[in-house]
C-alpha atoms as a PDB file:
ATOM      1  CA  UNK A   1       0.000  -0.214   0.193  1.00  0.00           C
ATOM      2  CA  UNK A   2       1.050   3.413  -0.632  1.00  0.00           C
ATOM      3  CA  UNK A   3      -0.302   7.093   0.670  1.00  0.00           C
ATOM      4  CA  UNK A   4      -0.712  10.377  -0.968  1.00  0.00           C
ATOM      5  CA  UNK A   5      -2.038  12.797   1.663  1.00  0.00           C
ATOM      6  CA  UNK A   6      -2.773  16.476   0.764  1.00  0.00           C
ATOM      7  CA  UNK A   7      -3.935  19.672   2.596  1.00  0.00           C
ATOM      8  CA  UNK A   8      -5.255  22.596   1.234  1.00  0.00           C
ATOM      9  CA  UNK A   9      -7.059  25.274   2.183  1.00  0.00           C
ATOM     10  CA  UNK A  10     -11.087  25.865   0.946  1.00  0.00           C
ATOM     11  CA  UNK A  11     -12.707  28.942   0.915  1.00  0.00           C
ATOM     12  CA  UNK A  12     -15.873  27.648   2.566  1.00  0.00           C
ATOM     13  CA  UNK A  13     -18.324  29.160  -0.091  1.00  0.00           C
ATOM     14  CA  UNK A  14     -16.716  26.819  -2.205  1.00  0.00           C
ATOM     15  CA  UNK A  15     -17.590  23.694  -0.157  1.00  0.00           C
ATOM     16  CA  UNK A  16     -20.049  22.041  -2.623  1.00  0.00           C
ATOM     17  CA  UNK A  17     -17.855  22.836  -5.965  1.00  0.00           C
ATOM     18  CA  UNK A  18     -14.789  21.179  -3.822  1.00  0.00           C
ATOM     19  CA  UNK A  19     -16.881  18.019  -2.914  1.00  0.00           C
ATOM     20  CA  UNK A  20     -18.107  18.004  -7.363  1.00  0.00           C
ATOM     21  CA  UNK A  21     -14.505  18.564  -7.758  1.00  0.00           C
ATOM     22  CA  UNK A  22     -13.072  16.157  -5.527  1.00  0.00           C
ATOM     23  CA  UNK A  23     -16.005  13.500  -6.793  1.00  0.00           C
ATOM     24  CA  UNK A  24     -14.929  14.404 -10.086  1.00  0.00           C
ATOM     25  CA  UNK A  25     -11.115  13.740  -8.999  1.00  0.00           C
ATOM     26  CA  UNK A  26     -11.823  10.448  -7.580  1.00  0.00           C
ATOM     27  CA  UNK A  27     -12.837   9.216 -11.377  1.00  0.00           C
ATOM     28  CA  UNK A  28      -9.788   9.722 -12.312  1.00  0.00           C
ATOM     29  CA  UNK A  29      -7.732   8.998  -9.511  1.00  0.00           C
ATOM     30  CA  UNK A  30      -9.512   5.286  -9.619  1.00  0.00           C
ATOM     31  CA  UNK A  31      -9.282   5.393 -13.797  1.00  0.00           C
ATOM     32  CA  UNK A  32      -4.943   5.523 -13.349  1.00  0.00           C
ATOM     33  CA  UNK A  33      -5.237   2.518 -10.457  1.00  0.00           C
ATOM     34  CA  UNK A  34      -6.510   4.014  -6.852  1.00  0.00           C
ATOM     35  CA  UNK A  35      -7.680   2.303  -4.656  1.00  0.00           C
ATOM     36  CA  UNK A  36      -9.824   4.697  -2.476  1.00  0.00           C
ATOM     37  CA  UNK A  37      -9.696   8.236  -1.548  1.00  0.00           C
ATOM     38  CA  UNK A  38     -11.218  10.373   1.275  1.00  0.00           C
ATOM     39  CA  UNK A  39     -11.972  13.913   1.804  1.00  0.00           C
ATOM     40  CA  UNK A  40     -11.881  15.541   5.078  1.00  0.00           C
ATOM     41  CA  UNK A  41     -13.639  19.214   5.837  1.00  0.00           C
ATOM     42  CA  UNK A  42     -11.926  20.422   8.768  1.00  0.00           C
ATOM     43  CA  UNK A  43     -14.759  21.223  11.865  1.00  0.00           C
ATOM     44  CA  UNK A  44     -12.903  21.010  15.089  1.00  0.00           C
ATOM     45  CA  UNK A  45      -9.490  22.284  13.858  1.00  0.00           C
ATOM     46  CA  UNK A  46      -7.410  23.980  16.753  1.00  0.00           C
ATOM     47  CA  UNK A  47      -5.294  27.205  16.403  1.00  0.00           C
ATOM     48  CA  UNK A  48      -1.650  26.535  17.003  1.00  0.00           C
ATOM     49  CA  UNK A  49       1.296  28.872  18.382  1.00  0.00           C
ATOM     50  CA  UNK A  50       4.307  27.202  16.118  1.00  0.00           C
ATOM     51  CA  UNK A  51       1.520  25.097  13.298  1.00  0.00           C
ATOM     52  CA  UNK A  52      -1.987  23.717  12.150  1.00  0.00           C
ATOM     53  CA  UNK A  53      -3.059  23.551   9.659  1.00  0.00           C
ATOM     54  CA  UNK A  54      -4.152  26.321   9.349  1.00  0.00           C
ATOM     55  CA  UNK A  55      -0.820  28.253   8.945  1.00  0.00           C
ATOM     56  CA  UNK A  56       0.474  25.490   6.869  1.00  0.00           C
ATOM     57  CA  UNK A  57      -2.233  26.884   4.247  1.00  0.00           C
ATOM     58  CA  UNK A  58      -2.256  30.493   5.131  1.00  0.00           C
ATOM     59  CA  UNK A  59      -5.559  30.036   5.779  1.00  0.00           C
ATOM     60  CA  UNK A  60      -7.769  32.898   5.476  1.00  0.00           C
ATOM     61  CA  UNK A  61     -10.155  33.351   7.877  1.00  0.00           C
ATOM     62  CA  UNK A  62     -13.573  32.308   4.885  1.00  0.00           C
ATOM     63  CA  UNK A  63     -11.291  29.512   4.474  1.00  0.00           C
ATOM     64  CA  UNK A  64     -11.778  25.959   5.779  1.00  0.00           C
ATOM     65  CA  UNK A  65      -9.239  23.224   6.025  1.00  0.00           C
ATOM     66  CA  UNK A  66      -9.483  20.123   3.786  1.00  0.00           C
ATOM     67  CA  UNK A  67      -7.051  16.781   4.566  1.00  0.00           C
ATOM     68  CA  UNK A  68      -7.123  14.470   1.752  1.00  0.00           C
ATOM     69  CA  UNK A  69      -5.490  11.021   1.171  1.00  0.00           C
ATOM     70  CA  UNK A  70      -5.737   8.609  -1.511  1.00  0.00           C
ATOM     71  CA  UNK A  71      -4.801   4.984  -1.126  1.00  0.00           C
ATOM     72  CA  UNK A  72      -2.498   2.916  -3.860  1.00  0.00           C
ATOM     73  CA  UNK A  73      -1.834  -0.804  -3.864  1.00  0.00           C
ATOM     74  CA  UNK A  74       1.816   0.146  -4.230  1.00  0.00           C
ATOM     75  CA  UNK A  75       4.495   3.147  -4.882  1.00  0.00           C
ATOM     76  CA  UNK A  76       4.728   1.932  -8.432  1.00  0.00           C
ATOM     77  CA  UNK A  77       1.069   2.362  -9.381  1.00  0.00           C
ATOM     78  CA  UNK A  78       1.135   5.893  -7.873  1.00  0.00           C
ATOM     79  CA  UNK A  79       3.939   6.897 -10.218  1.00  0.00           C
ATOM     80  CA  UNK A  80       2.323   5.525 -12.832  1.00  0.00           C
ATOM     81  CA  UNK A  81      -1.715   6.631 -12.585  1.00  0.00           C
ATOM     82  CA  UNK A  82       0.160  10.510 -11.174  1.00  0.00           C
ATOM     83  CA  UNK A  83       1.990  10.115 -14.785  1.00  0.00           C
ATOM     84  CA  UNK A  84      -1.529   8.873 -16.812  1.00  0.00           C
ATOM     85  CA  UNK A  85      -3.267  11.427 -15.205  1.00  0.00           C
ATOM     86  CA  UNK A  86      -1.266  14.227 -15.865  1.00  0.00           C
ATOM     87  CA  UNK A  87      -1.838  13.646 -19.987  1.00  0.00           C
ATOM     88  CA  UNK A  88      -5.441  13.251 -19.155  1.00  0.00           C
ATOM     89  CA  UNK A  89      -7.294  15.770 -20.732  1.00  0.00           C
ATOM     90  CA  UNK A  90      -9.787  15.474 -18.313  1.00  0.00           C
ATOM     91  CA  UNK A  91      -7.172  16.561 -15.644  1.00  0.00           C
ATOM     92  CA  UNK A  92      -6.144  19.358 -18.041  1.00  0.00           C
ATOM     93  CA  UNK A  93     -10.051  20.208 -17.207  1.00  0.00           C
ATOM     94  CA  UNK A  94     -10.614  20.111 -13.963  1.00  0.00           C
ATOM     95  CA  UNK A  95     -10.938  23.572 -12.292  1.00  0.00           C
ATOM     96  CA  UNK A  96     -10.122  23.606  -8.752  1.00  0.00           C
ATOM     97  CA  UNK A  97     -12.372  25.249  -6.888  1.00  0.00           C
ATOM     98  CA  UNK A  98      -9.343  26.836  -4.193  1.00  0.00           C
ATOM     99  CA  UNK A  99      -5.543  28.056  -4.156  1.00  0.00           C
ATOM    100  CA  UNK A 100      -3.321  25.456  -5.107  1.00  0.00           C
ATOM    101  CA  UNK A 101      -0.622  26.958  -4.385  1.00  0.00           C
ATOM    102  CA  UNK A 102      -1.376  27.115  -0.841  1.00  0.00           C
ATOM    103  CA  UNK A 103      -2.360  23.050  -1.044  1.00  0.00           C
ATOM    104  CA  UNK A 104       0.863  20.469   0.106  1.00  0.00           C
ATOM    105  CA  UNK A 105       1.732  17.239   0.293  1.00  0.00           C
ATOM    106  CA  UNK A 106       3.498  13.831   0.067  1.00  0.00           C
ATOM    107  CA  UNK A 107       2.872  10.273  -0.919  1.00  0.00           C
ATOM    108  CA  UNK A 108       3.689   7.883   2.198  1.00  0.00           C
ATOM    109  CA  UNK A 109       4.523   4.511   2.910  1.00  0.00           C
ATOM    110  CA  UNK A 110       2.428   2.938   5.658  1.00  0.00           C
ATOM    111  CA  UNK A 111       5.068   1.554   8.978  1.00  0.00           C
ATOM    112  CA  UNK A 112       2.126   1.228  10.917  1.00  0.00           C
ATOM    113  CA  UNK A 113      -1.391  -0.037  10.178  1.00  0.00           C
ATOM    114  CA  UNK A 114      -4.425  -0.856  12.811  1.00  0.00           C
ATOM    115  CA  UNK A 115      -7.981  -1.747  12.213  1.00  0.00           C
END
């Protein structure tokens, strides 16, 4: 398993636009090998002193943090999937309802998994 994680600040007024964007993005992720996607809309996100979702994304007062992850079978599938998605016309025409420059993301290999 391999996981991509994302954090972004989304204008609160764009919640439904973001949800629709995420649903459209899932179709692409799934098409290119992803197993699962979760999009979390912040509702209990404390203010930090040194760092926080707000600080890390330069979140404005009219924005809400979003925490998302995508599960892939393995890193090779993820790497190939992202490569294919970047060439997919549907991805090139996708409108992001938030400032993608303030989003941060990364790929992670699990070291503990529990249920």
